[in-house]
Amino acid sequence: MKAVIDAQSKQILGFTVLGLEGGELMAVVEMAMLGKLPYTVLQDAIFAHPTMAESLNNLFATIA
């Protein structure tokens, strides 16, 4: 997974994923992008377990 984030607005500008269930992850990020939500919303969200969407917490937690 890779995300491109605007440093000032914290909005997600782009996202890519390669792997199983990538479409699930893409749909979640796409909805956040359409809603103009900052990446922190996904970073702090609680996703159902076990799903690949849980990995979004880890991805966005790496952003300083």
N, C-alpha and C. Protein backbone atom coordinates (compact mmCIF):
# COMPACT_ATOMS: atom_id res chain seq x y z
N MET A 1 0.83 -1.17 0.00
CA MET A 1 0.00 0.00 0.00
C MET A 1 0.87 1.24 0.00
N LYS A 2 0.36 2.26 -0.66
CA LYS A 2 1.04 3.55 -0.66
C LYS A 2 -0.03 4.63 -0.77
N ALA A 3 0.14 5.68 0.00
CA ALA A 3 -0.79 6.81 -0.05
C ALA A 3 0.00 8.10 -0.24
N VAL A 4 -0.59 9.02 -0.98
CA VAL A 4 -0.02 10.36 -1.15
C VAL A 4 -0.94 11.31 -0.39
N ILE A 5 -0.34 12.06 0.54
CA ILE A 5 -1.10 12.93 1.44
C ILE A 5 -0.66 14.37 1.27
N ASP A 6 -1.62 15.30 1.26
CA ASP A 6 -1.29 16.72 1.26
C ASP A 6 -0.91 17.11 2.69
N ALA A 7 0.28 17.66 2.87
CA ALA A 7 0.80 17.96 4.20
C ALA A 7 -0.04 18.99 4.95
N GLN A 8 -0.61 19.96 4.24
CA GLN A 8 -1.37 21.01 4.92
C GLN A 8 -2.80 20.59 5.23
N SER A 9 -3.51 20.07 4.24
CA SER A 9 -4.93 19.73 4.45
C SER A 9 -5.10 18.33 5.03
N LYS A 10 -4.06 17.50 4.96
CA LYS A 10 -4.09 16.11 5.42
C LYS A 10 -5.05 15.24 4.61
N GLN A 11 -5.44 15.72 3.43
CA GLN A 11 -6.32 14.93 2.57
C GLN A 11 -5.52 13.93 1.76
N ILE A 12 -6.16 12.82 1.46
CA ILE A 12 -5.54 11.78 0.66
C ILE A 12 -5.64 12.19 -0.80
N LEU A 13 -4.51 12.30 -1.47
CA LEU A 13 -4.49 12.71 -2.87
C LEU A 13 -4.43 11.50 -3.81
N GLY A 14 -3.88 10.41 -3.33
CA GLY A 14 -3.76 9.22 -4.14
C GLY A 14 -3.53 8.00 -3.27
N PHE A 15 -3.85 6.84 -3.82
CA PHE A 15 -3.70 5.60 -3.06
C PHE A 15 -3.53 4.45 -4.04
N THR A 16 -2.65 3.53 -3.71
CA THR A 16 -2.48 2.33 -4.52
C THR A 16 -2.29 1.14 -3.60
N VAL A 17 -2.74 0.00 -4.07
CA VAL A 17 -2.59 -1.23 -3.29
C VAL A 17 -2.42 -2.39 -4.26
N LEU A 18 -1.54 -3.30 -3.90
CA LEU A 18 -1.31 -4.49 -4.70
C LEU A 18 -1.40 -5.68 -3.76
N GLY A 19 -2.38 -6.53 -3.97
CA GLY A 19 -2.52 -7.70 -3.12
C GLY A 19 -3.95 -8.18 -3.08
N LEU A 20 -4.14 -9.27 -2.37
CA LEU A 20 -5.48 -9.82 -2.20
C LEU A 20 -6.40 -8.82 -1.51
N GLU A 21 -7.64 -8.80 -1.94
CA GLU A 21 -8.66 -7.91 -1.37
C GLU A 21 -8.30 -6.43 -1.50
N GLY A 22 -7.49 -6.11 -2.49
CA GLY A 22 -7.14 -4.70 -2.72
C GLY A 22 -8.35 -3.84 -3.02
N GLY A 23 -9.34 -4.42 -3.67
CA GLY A 23 -10.56 -3.67 -3.98
C GLY A 23 -11.29 -3.22 -2.73
N GLU A 24 -11.26 -4.03 -1.70
CA GLU A 24 -11.89 -3.66 -0.43
C GLU A 24 -11.23 -2.41 0.13
N LEU A 25 -9.91 -2.41 0.13
CA LEU A 25 -9.17 -1.27 0.65
C LEU A 25 -9.38 -0.03 -0.21
N MET A 26 -9.36 -0.22 -1.52
CA MET A 26 -9.55 0.89 -2.44
C MET A 26 -10.91 1.56 -2.22
N ALA A 27 -11.94 0.76 -2.00
CA ALA A 27 -13.28 1.32 -1.80
C ALA A 27 -13.33 2.18 -0.54
N VAL A 28 -12.69 1.73 0.52
CA VAL A 28 -12.68 2.50 1.77
C VAL A 28 -11.97 3.84 1.57
N VAL A 29 -10.81 3.80 0.94
CA VAL A 29 -10.03 5.03 0.72
C VAL A 29 -10.75 5.94 -0.27
N GLU A 30 -11.36 5.35 -1.29
CA GLU A 30 -12.10 6.16 -2.27
C GLU A 30 -13.23 6.94 -1.60
N MET A 31 -13.94 6.32 -0.69
CA MET A 31 -15.03 7.03 0.01
C MET A 31 -14.48 8.18 0.85
N ALA A 32 -13.33 7.96 1.48
CA ALA A 32 -12.70 9.03 2.26
C ALA A 32 -12.28 10.18 1.35
N MET A 33 -11.74 9.84 0.17
CA MET A 33 -11.31 10.87 -0.77
C MET A 33 -12.52 11.64 -1.31
N LEU A 34 -13.59 10.94 -1.65
CA LEU A 34 -14.79 11.61 -2.16
C LEU A 34 -15.40 12.53 -1.10
N GLY A 35 -15.31 12.11 0.16
CA GLY A 35 -15.84 12.92 1.26
C GLY A 35 -14.88 13.99 1.74
N LYS A 36 -13.69 14.06 1.10
CA LYS A 36 -12.66 15.04 1.47
C LYS A 36 -12.28 14.95 2.95
N LEU A 37 -12.18 13.72 3.43
CA LEU A 37 -11.81 13.49 4.82
C LEU A 37 -10.28 13.48 4.95
N PRO A 38 -9.74 13.97 6.05
CA PRO A 38 -8.31 13.86 6.26
C PRO A 38 -7.93 12.40 6.54
N TYR A 39 -6.68 12.06 6.27
CA TYR A 39 -6.24 10.68 6.48
C TYR A 39 -6.39 10.25 7.93
N THR A 40 -6.40 11.21 8.85
CA THR A 40 -6.49 10.88 10.27
C THR A 40 -7.81 10.19 10.63
N VAL A 41 -8.83 10.41 9.83
CA VAL A 41 -10.11 9.72 10.07
C VAL A 41 -9.93 8.21 9.88
N LEU A 42 -9.21 7.82 8.83
CA LEU A 42 -8.95 6.40 8.61
C LEU A 42 -7.92 5.87 9.60
N GLN A 43 -6.97 6.70 9.97
CA GLN A 43 -5.94 6.30 10.92
C GLN A 43 -6.56 5.92 12.26
N ASP A 44 -7.58 6.65 12.68
CA ASP A 44 -8.18 6.45 13.99
C ASP A 44 -9.45 5.59 13.96
N ALA A 45 -9.89 5.18 12.77
CA ALA A 45 -11.12 4.41 12.64
C ALA A 45 -10.95 3.00 13.21
N ILE A 46 -12.06 2.44 13.64
CA ILE A 46 -12.09 1.06 14.11
C ILE A 46 -12.76 0.24 13.02
N PHE A 47 -11.99 -0.66 12.38
CA PHE A 47 -12.50 -1.49 11.31
C PHE A 47 -12.82 -2.88 11.84
N ALA A 48 -13.79 -3.53 11.21
CA ALA A 48 -14.18 -4.88 11.62
C ALA A 48 -13.00 -5.84 11.52
N HIS A 49 -12.93 -6.77 12.45
CA HIS A 49 -11.86 -7.77 12.46
C HIS A 49 -12.46 -9.11 12.10
N PRO A 50 -11.90 -9.91 11.30
CA PRO A 50 -10.68 -9.70 10.51
C PRO A 50 -11.02 -9.21 9.11
N THR A 51 -10.51 -8.09 8.74
CA THR A 51 -10.64 -7.58 7.37
C THR A 51 -9.32 -6.92 6.99
N MET A 52 -9.13 -6.77 5.70
CA MET A 52 -7.93 -6.09 5.21
C MET A 52 -7.97 -4.61 5.54
N ALA A 53 -9.16 -4.06 5.75
CA ALA A 53 -9.28 -2.63 6.06
C ALA A 53 -8.53 -2.26 7.34
N GLU A 54 -8.34 -3.22 8.22
CA GLU A 54 -7.58 -2.95 9.44
C GLU A 54 -6.17 -2.46 9.14
N SER A 55 -5.63 -2.86 8.01
CA SER A 55 -4.26 -2.45 7.67
C SER A 55 -4.16 -0.97 7.35
N LEU A 56 -5.28 -0.30 7.11
CA LEU A 56 -5.24 1.15 6.86
C LEU A 56 -4.78 1.90 8.11
N ASN A 57 -5.13 1.39 9.28
CA ASN A 57 -4.64 2.00 10.52
C ASN A 57 -3.12 2.03 10.54
N ASN A 58 -2.51 0.91 10.15
CA ASN A 58 -1.05 0.81 10.15
C ASN A 58 -0.43 1.73 9.10
N LEU A 59 -1.02 1.77 7.91
CA LEU A 59 -0.49 2.62 6.85
C LEU A 59 -0.46 4.08 7.28
N PHE A 60 -1.59 4.58 7.76
CA PHE A 60 -1.68 6.00 8.09
C PHE A 60 -1.02 6.35 9.42
N ALA A 61 -0.73 5.35 10.25
CA ALA A 61 0.00 5.61 11.50
C ALA A 61 1.47 5.92 11.23
N THR A 62 1.96 5.56 10.04
CA THR A 62 3.37 5.80 9.71
C THR A 62 3.63 7.22 9.25
N ILE A 63 2.59 8.01 9.07
CA ILE A 63 2.75 9.39 8.60
C ILE A 63 3.08 10.29 9.77
N ALA A 64 4.15 11.03 9.64
CA ALA A 64 4.59 11.90 10.74
C ALA A 64 3.99 13.27 10.60
